[in-house]
Protein backbone atom coordinates (compact mmCIF):
# COMPACT_ATOMS: atom_id res chain seq x y z
CA MET A 1 10.61 48.76 19.79
CA GLN A 2 13.93 47.43 18.96
CA PRO A 3 14.41 43.70 18.04
CA THR A 4 15.95 41.70 20.88
CA ALA A 5 16.26 37.97 21.71
CA PRO A 6 14.85 36.99 23.93
CA GLY A 7 12.00 39.44 22.69
CA PRO A 8 9.06 41.13 24.66
CA THR A 9 5.60 39.53 25.29
CA LEU A 10 2.71 39.70 23.17
CA GLY A 11 -0.66 39.75 24.28
CA VAL A 12 -3.72 38.34 22.32
CA VAL A 13 -7.42 38.94 22.47
CA GLY A 14 -8.45 35.39 21.60
CA GLY A 15 -6.37 32.08 21.76
CA GLY A 16 -8.16 30.17 18.73
CA GLN A 17 -6.42 28.91 15.56
CA LEU A 18 -5.16 32.15 14.67
CA GLY A 19 -3.77 32.69 18.07
CA ARG A 20 -2.09 29.23 17.82
CA MET A 21 -0.56 30.07 14.48
CA LEU A 22 0.57 33.70 16.02
CA GLY A 23 2.46 31.81 18.96
CA GLU A 24 4.18 29.54 16.64
CA ALA A 25 5.36 32.06 14.56
CA ALA A 26 6.57 34.36 17.67
CA ALA A 27 8.52 31.31 19.31
CA PRO A 28 11.61 31.32 16.48
CA LEU A 29 11.77 35.52 17.14
CA GLY A 30 12.13 34.86 20.53
CA VAL A 31 8.68 36.43 21.25
CA GLU A 32 6.57 34.88 23.97
CA VAL A 33 2.77 34.83 23.47
CA VAL A 34 0.01 35.23 26.29
CA VAL A 35 -3.50 34.76 25.15
CA SER A 36 -6.80 35.36 26.91
CA ASP A 37 -9.89 33.30 25.55
CA PRO A 38 -13.48 32.29 26.96
CA THR A 39 -12.92 28.49 26.11
CA PRO A 40 -10.81 26.61 28.77
CA ASP A 41 -7.69 24.92 27.21
CA PRO A 42 -8.18 26.95 23.67
CA PRO A 43 -6.50 25.84 20.60
CA ALA A 44 -3.53 28.27 21.22
CA ALA A 45 -3.01 26.84 24.60
CA PRO A 46 -0.31 24.47 23.68
CA VAL A 47 2.00 26.61 22.03
CA VAL A 48 2.00 29.93 24.12
CA ARG A 49 3.34 30.66 27.38
CA GLU A 50 -0.15 31.29 29.04
CA ALA A 51 -3.72 30.99 28.38
CA LEU A 52 -5.64 33.14 30.35
CA HIS A 53 -9.36 32.37 30.50
CA GLY A 54 -12.00 35.19 30.38
CA ASP A 55 -14.32 36.43 27.63
CA PHE A 56 -13.37 38.89 25.01
CA ASP A 57 -14.84 41.74 26.72
CA ASP A 58 -13.84 40.74 30.15
CA PRO A 59 -12.33 43.80 32.00
CA ASP A 60 -10.59 41.47 34.48
CA ALA A 61 -9.24 39.14 31.57
CA VAL A 62 -8.01 41.87 29.33
CA ALA A 63 -6.46 43.89 32.13
CA ALA A 64 -4.49 40.83 33.13
CA LEU A 65 -3.21 40.14 29.53
CA ALA A 66 -1.98 43.77 29.50
CA ASP A 67 -0.39 43.75 32.70
CA ARG A 68 1.53 40.83 31.16
CA ALA A 69 2.18 42.06 27.58
CA ASP A 70 4.54 44.65 26.43
CA VAL A 71 2.18 44.72 23.40
CA LEU A 72 -1.49 43.87 22.77
CA THR A 73 -3.01 42.87 19.69
CA TYR A 74 -6.26 40.75 18.91
CA GLU A 75 -7.42 37.93 16.77
CA ILE A 76 -11.01 38.21 16.70
CA GLU A 77 -13.26 41.16 15.93
CA LEU A 78 -15.32 40.53 19.13
CA ALA A 79 -12.52 41.86 21.23
CA ASP A 80 -13.94 45.25 23.06
CA PRO A 81 -12.34 48.53 21.26
CA ASP A 82 -13.35 50.59 24.34
CA LEU A 83 -11.73 48.23 26.79
CA LEU A 84 -8.61 48.05 24.87
CA GLU A 85 -8.36 51.55 25.09
CA ARG A 86 -8.91 52.05 28.61
CA VAL A 87 -6.40 49.23 29.65
CA SER A 88 -3.53 50.56 27.24
CA GLU A 89 -3.75 53.88 29.02
CA GLU A 90 -3.90 52.13 32.49
CA PHE A 91 -0.88 49.65 31.80
CA ASP A 92 0.87 51.86 29.37
CA THR A 93 0.53 48.95 26.87
CA PRO A 94 -0.07 49.77 23.36
CA VAL A 95 -2.47 48.03 21.20
CA HIS A 96 -2.20 47.49 17.50
CA PRO A 97 -4.19 47.52 15.23
CA ALA A 98 -5.40 50.51 16.98
CA PRO A 99 -8.63 50.15 18.79
CA ASP A 100 -10.28 52.81 16.78
CA THR A 101 -9.48 50.49 13.67
CA LEU A 102 -11.15 47.90 15.34
CA ARG A 103 -14.06 50.13 16.04
CA THR A 104 -14.42 50.91 12.59
CA ILE A 105 -14.37 47.54 10.94
CA GLN A 106 -16.86 45.89 13.75
CA ASP A 107 -19.33 47.85 12.20
CA LYS A 108 -19.87 46.78 8.57
CA LEU A 109 -22.16 49.96 7.92
CA VAL A 110 -19.48 52.42 9.29
CA GLN A 111 -16.86 50.41 7.41
CA LYS A 112 -18.41 50.79 3.93
CA ARG A 113 -18.81 54.59 4.60
CA ARG A 114 -15.44 55.11 5.47
CA LEU A 115 -14.16 52.97 2.41
CA ARG A 116 -16.64 54.67 0.03
CA ALA A 117 -15.76 58.19 1.53
CA ALA A 118 -12.06 57.64 0.77
CA GLY A 119 -12.99 56.60 -2.98
CA VAL A 120 -12.35 52.87 -2.19
CA PRO A 121 -14.68 51.19 -4.75
CA VAL A 122 -17.55 48.96 -2.74
CA PRO A 123 -20.70 47.56 -3.95
CA PRO A 124 -23.76 49.90 -3.55
CA PHE A 125 -25.46 49.46 0.24
CA ARG A 126 -27.70 51.09 2.41
CA GLY A 127 -28.30 51.05 6.29
CA VAL A 128 -31.56 49.92 7.08
CA GLY A 129 -33.29 49.81 10.56
CA SER A 130 -36.82 48.09 9.70
CA VAL A 131 -38.74 46.39 6.99
CA ALA A 132 -39.83 49.37 5.38
CA ALA A 133 -36.25 50.88 5.19
CA LEU A 134 -35.45 47.68 4.06
CA HIS A 135 -38.01 47.57 1.44
CA ASP A 136 -37.25 51.59 0.52
CA ALA A 137 -33.77 50.58 -0.20
CA LEU A 138 -34.52 47.84 -1.97
CA ASP A 139 -36.41 49.60 -4.65
CA ASP A 140 -32.97 51.63 -5.25
CA LEU A 141 -30.58 48.68 -5.31
CA GLY A 142 -32.75 46.06 -6.88
CA TYR A 143 -32.84 42.43 -6.18
CA PRO A 144 -31.01 40.03 -5.46
CA ALA A 145 -29.52 41.48 -2.61
CA MET A 146 -27.71 40.76 0.66
CA LEU A 147 -28.73 41.67 4.22
CA LYS A 148 -25.91 41.82 6.49
CA ALA A 149 -26.11 42.20 10.08
CA ARG A 150 -23.83 45.46 11.20
CA ARG A 151 -21.74 43.58 13.72
CA GLY A 152 -20.92 39.80 14.53
CA GLY A 153 -21.19 38.36 11.56
CA TYR A 154 -18.24 35.85 10.17
CA ASP A 155 -18.18 32.89 8.11
CA GLY A 156 -21.29 33.66 6.30
CA ARG A 157 -23.25 33.96 9.48
CA GLY A 158 -25.19 37.16 9.90
CA ASN A 159 -25.60 37.36 6.16
CA VAL A 160 -29.12 36.59 4.35
CA PRO A 161 -29.58 36.72 0.82
CA ILE A 162 -33.14 38.52 -0.54
CA GLU A 163 -34.49 37.32 -4.23
CA SER A 164 -37.52 39.04 -3.94
CA PRO A 165 -39.72 41.34 -2.27
CA ASP A 166 -41.58 38.30 -1.03
CA GLY A 167 -38.34 37.28 1.02
CA VAL A 168 -37.77 41.04 2.45
CA GLU A 169 -39.65 40.36 6.01
CA THR A 170 -38.48 36.99 6.76
CA ALA A 171 -34.90 38.07 5.59
CA PHE A 172 -35.12 41.33 8.25
CA GLY A 173 -36.44 38.63 10.87
CA ARG A 174 -33.46 36.50 10.64
CA ILE A 175 -30.81 39.36 11.53
CA GLU A 176 -30.33 40.66 15.19
CA GLY A 177 -29.75 44.11 15.77
CA GLU A 178 -28.78 46.77 13.29
CA ALA A 179 -28.37 45.79 9.53
CA MET A 180 -27.32 47.08 6.27
CA VAL A 181 -28.22 45.61 2.63
CA GLU A 182 -25.77 45.61 -0.29
CA ALA A 183 -26.60 45.28 -3.91
CA PHE A 184 -25.69 41.93 -5.46
CA VAL A 185 -22.45 41.52 -7.16
CA PRO A 186 -22.19 39.49 -9.97
CA PHE A 187 -18.63 38.58 -9.42
CA GLU A 188 -16.60 36.48 -11.54
CA ARG A 189 -14.02 35.87 -8.39
CA GLU A 190 -13.44 35.98 -4.80
CA LEU A 191 -9.92 37.32 -4.63
CA SER A 192 -8.34 38.45 -1.35
CA VAL A 193 -5.04 40.19 -0.64
CA ILE A 194 -3.17 40.14 2.93
CA GLY A 195 -1.70 43.45 3.59
CA VAL A 196 0.59 44.61 6.42
CA ARG A 197 0.88 48.11 8.14
CA GLY A 198 4.58 48.52 9.70
CA VAL A 199 6.02 51.31 11.63
CA ASP A 200 6.41 53.50 8.17
CA ASP A 201 5.84 50.91 5.59
CA ARG A 202 3.12 48.74 4.06
CA ARG A 203 2.99 45.65 2.29
CA THR A 204 1.09 43.39 0.27
CA PHE A 205 1.16 39.38 -0.29
CA ALA A 206 0.21 37.90 -3.72
CA PRO A 207 -3.55 38.08 -4.26
CA GLY A 208 -5.40 34.84 -3.53
CA GLU A 209 -8.23 33.45 -5.65
CA ASN A 210 -10.80 32.26 -2.73
CA VAL A 211 -13.73 29.28 -2.91
CA HIS A 212 -16.30 29.55 -0.64
CA GLU A 213 -19.06 26.78 0.07
CA GLU A 214 -21.97 27.73 2.23
CA GLU A 215 -20.79 30.94 2.84
CA ILE A 216 -17.35 29.43 4.43
CA LEU A 217 -14.14 29.63 2.74
CA ARG A 218 -12.81 26.29 1.22
CA GLU A 219 -10.05 26.94 -0.42
CA THR A 220 -7.63 29.77 -1.46
CA VAL A 221 -5.02 29.63 -4.84
CA VAL A 222 -2.15 31.83 -5.21
CA PRO A 223 -1.49 33.38 -7.48
CA ALA A 224 -5.16 34.22 -8.13
CA ARG A 225 -6.03 32.97 -11.85
CA VAL A 226 -6.59 36.37 -13.32
CA SER A 227 -4.41 38.61 -15.50
CA ASP A 228 -1.34 40.75 -14.15
CA ASP A 229 -3.64 43.84 -14.42
CA VAL A 230 -6.32 42.30 -12.32
CA ARG A 231 -3.68 41.55 -9.63
CA GLU A 232 -2.02 45.02 -9.61
CA ARG A 233 -5.42 46.65 -9.40
CA ALA A 234 -6.27 44.25 -6.51
CA LYS A 235 -2.84 45.21 -4.76
CA SER A 236 -3.54 48.87 -5.50
CA VAL A 237 -6.85 48.69 -3.83
CA ALA A 238 -5.37 46.95 -0.98
CA ARG A 239 -3.00 49.34 -0.42
CA ASP A 240 -5.31 52.19 -0.62
CA VAL A 241 -7.30 50.58 2.17
CA LEU A 242 -4.15 49.98 4.33
CA ASP A 243 -3.69 53.71 4.11
CA LEU A 244 -7.25 54.14 5.83
CA MET A 245 -6.09 52.51 8.74
CA ASP A 246 -4.65 53.09 12.15
CA GLY A 247 -2.07 51.09 13.81
CA ARG A 248 0.34 48.30 12.58
CA GLY A 249 -0.60 44.62 11.81
CA VAL A 250 -2.08 42.44 9.45
CA PHE A 251 -5.11 42.99 7.46
CA GLY A 252 -7.28 40.53 5.05
CA ILE A 253 -8.83 42.32 2.90
CA GLU A 254 -11.62 40.29 0.68
CA LEU A 255 -12.56 41.65 -2.70
CA PHE A 256 -15.01 40.85 -6.01
CA GLU A 257 -13.53 40.91 -9.20
CA THR A 258 -16.14 41.70 -12.18
CA GLY A 259 -14.81 42.24 -15.69
CA GLY A 260 -11.72 43.19 -14.29
CA GLU A 261 -12.45 45.71 -11.62
CA ILE A 262 -12.00 45.29 -8.33
CA SER A 263 -14.42 46.14 -5.17
CA VAL A 264 -13.99 45.29 -1.36
CA ASN A 265 -16.04 43.13 0.06
CA GLU A 266 -14.85 43.02 3.78
CA ILE A 267 -11.71 43.88 5.63
CA ALA A 268 -10.57 41.77 8.91
CA PRO A 269 -8.12 43.85 11.03
CA ARG A 270 -5.96 40.62 11.76
CA PRO A 271 -4.26 37.28 10.08
CA HIS A 272 -7.09 35.86 8.07
CA ASN A 273 -8.00 32.50 6.61
CA SER A 274 -7.35 33.16 3.00
CA GLY A 275 -3.58 34.25 4.07
CA HIS A 276 -2.98 30.96 5.73
CA TRP A 277 -1.08 29.73 2.31
CA THR A 278 1.51 32.39 3.43
CA ILE A 279 3.13 29.84 6.08
CA GLU A 280 4.62 27.64 3.68
CA GLY A 281 4.03 29.45 0.33
CA ALA A 282 5.68 33.21 1.06
CA LEU A 283 8.96 34.45 2.63
CA THR A 284 7.29 35.50 5.41
CA SER A 285 3.96 34.33 6.70
CA GLN A 286 1.33 36.52 7.47
CA PHE A 287 1.58 35.35 11.14
CA GLU A 288 5.31 36.24 11.41
CA GLN A 289 4.23 39.69 9.97
CA HIS A 290 1.61 40.27 12.64
CA VAL A 291 4.11 39.73 15.15
CA ARG A 292 6.73 41.99 13.48
CA ALA A 293 4.58 44.82 12.87
CA ALA A 294 2.77 44.88 16.22
CA LEU A 295 6.05 44.98 18.11
CA GLY A 296 7.21 47.58 15.50
CA TRP A 297 9.94 45.27 14.09
CA PRO A 298 11.20 45.65 10.56
CA LEU A 299 8.88 43.94 8.24
CA GLY A 300 9.39 40.65 6.16
CA ALA A 301 9.77 40.03 2.70
CA THR A 302 5.97 38.85 1.05
CA ASP A 303 7.34 37.27 -2.01
CA ARG A 304 5.85 33.91 -2.73
CA ARG A 305 8.10 30.82 -2.85
CA GLY A 306 5.66 29.14 -5.72
CA ARG A 307 2.34 28.30 -6.61
CA THR A 308 0.25 27.28 -3.52
CA VAL A 309 -3.28 25.87 -2.51
CA MET A 310 -4.58 25.95 0.82
CA THR A 311 -7.89 24.21 1.52
CA ASN A 312 -9.77 24.14 5.00
CA LEU A 313 -10.33 21.05 6.88
CA LEU A 314 -14.18 21.62 7.77
CA GLY A 315 -16.10 19.14 10.32
CA ASP A 316 -17.97 16.71 8.12
CA VAL A 317 -19.98 15.65 10.75
CA GLU A 318 -24.06 15.59 11.58
CA LYS A 319 -23.55 16.67 15.07
CA PRO A 320 -20.69 17.61 17.52
CA GLU A 321 -18.50 14.37 18.45
CA PRO A 322 -14.93 14.50 19.72
CA ALA A 323 -12.33 15.19 17.12
CA ALA A 324 -10.71 12.55 15.48
CA LEU A 325 -9.02 13.02 11.92
CA HIS A 326 -8.40 10.32 9.55
CA GLY A 327 -6.84 10.03 6.32
CA VAL A 328 -3.60 12.08 7.81
CA GLY A 329 -1.00 9.57 6.23
CA ARG A 330 -2.10 10.26 2.74
CA VAL A 331 -1.33 14.14 3.42
CA LEU A 332 2.25 13.35 5.14
CA ALA A 333 3.02 11.07 1.96
CA GLU A 334 2.26 13.54 -0.32
CA PRO A 335 5.77 15.72 -1.63
CA GLY A 336 4.97 19.51 -0.55
CA ALA A 337 1.66 18.83 1.50
CA THR A 338 1.77 20.09 5.18
CA LEU A 339 -1.10 19.65 7.87
CA HIS A 340 -2.22 22.41 10.28
CA TRP A 341 -4.19 20.62 13.23
CA TYR A 342 -5.80 23.46 15.26
CA GLY A 343 -6.17 21.12 18.65
CA LYS A 344 -9.93 21.41 18.84
CA HIS A 345 -11.60 18.95 21.06
CA GLU A 346 -14.98 18.70 19.46
CA ALA A 347 -15.91 18.43 15.87
CA ARG A 348 -19.15 20.16 14.63
CA PRO A 349 -20.72 20.71 11.42
CA LEU A 350 -18.58 23.00 8.76
CA ARG A 351 -16.19 24.16 11.91
CA LYS A 352 -12.78 24.74 11.12
CA MET A 353 -11.11 22.16 12.44
CA GLY A 354 -7.54 22.65 10.30
CA HIS A 355 -5.90 23.19 7.09
CA LEU A 356 -3.92 21.61 4.53
CA THR A 357 -1.24 23.39 2.49
CA LEU A 358 0.24 22.31 -0.94
CA ALA A 359 2.93 23.94 -1.98
CA GLY A 360 4.48 23.45 -5.28
CA GLU A 361 6.87 24.96 -8.12
CA GLU A 362 6.39 27.78 -10.26
CA ASP A 363 6.02 26.23 -13.38
CA ASP A 364 3.59 23.65 -11.81
CA ASP A 365 0.14 23.54 -13.32
CA THR A 366 -2.28 25.50 -10.77
CA ASN A 367 -5.43 23.58 -11.79
CA ASP A 368 -3.38 20.06 -11.38
CA LEU A 369 -2.20 21.05 -7.88
CA LEU A 370 -5.83 22.51 -7.00
CA ALA A 371 -7.04 19.05 -7.85
CA ARG A 372 -4.11 17.19 -5.82
CA ALA A 373 -5.14 19.41 -2.88
CA ARG A 374 -8.66 18.37 -3.25
CA ASP A 375 -8.04 14.93 -3.49
CA LEU A 376 -5.98 15.05 0.06
CA ARG A 377 -8.75 17.07 1.73
CA ASP A 378 -11.43 14.63 0.44
CA ASP A 379 -9.18 11.60 2.08
CA CYS A 380 -9.41 13.54 5.37
CA THR A 381 -12.44 12.74 7.27
CA PHE A 382 -13.83 12.69 10.75
CA ASP A 383 -16.08 9.61 9.91
CA SER A 384 -14.81 6.50 11.98
């Protein structure tokens, strides 16, 4: 598809904050965005042409999306790959990344088997379907370990740590449906690489260093505070992952770094929370890259502009309440700081409500930049 302005229409299954930022990135390119989402008035609604209402696997909603769009994509793994294939054929609307890629990534066990078969480094793992099978797997893998739901988990949901044999039965009871178990990785850092597959090209952004709290991403530091060799190794592994995928688009590739060695934790076939830094910190954001890639347009440069810290703004409330963020003035007054508000109407405990980015120069001290970003974040509160 040759670039034109005004351009084609991109249909997105999901209208959350990722759909919102895709809409913001698409507009300057002359690309209109239509989303479908089960939430009335979702976060993406104010910035897209139309927000359709329907579940991620609602045939009517996804068909209506395909009928309005020139290309389909998705911003959430809860999209239905079988349904996407059907509507793609019915409406002659291509889907990127390919539905088969989504199908593989949705099942964490299938995902890990695919990676291992291709020689991509992953932690030791086993599929388990019963408490007895889990005991047998842990006799081999050892303790501690992480039990994971094969489908549907995100932001730590569906992950249950197991410290000893006494915790096996309780852990298995907390997983709904099929499961897999992974050996514990004594990682030194959690890294991620945002990669993108184009028509005949694949590119990677600088590796980011991620800090999680309660299994939820809290902040990303770019460049990661690792050696040049580790950065190159992380990008090399990410490129190997991209080569295994089908279709075009952005992928978030989560990695463990242990003693200079890299292994893959998980993959997301969409723009990723740890790539939000690219909006201010790279020549082309991950969202613009996803739009370009899905439409078959030339990819943009992935070079960094400088050192960057992204930190999530999570709901610091004890129970759901109307969303009202305080402390915004401090962020607006800080040189290099940018606030991204997701437009969610209700704050919930640990819900991702927005993020802020602090962009610095190449000669800035990374630790100082991180401390400043944390101060700004801590000044932002939902407490009235």
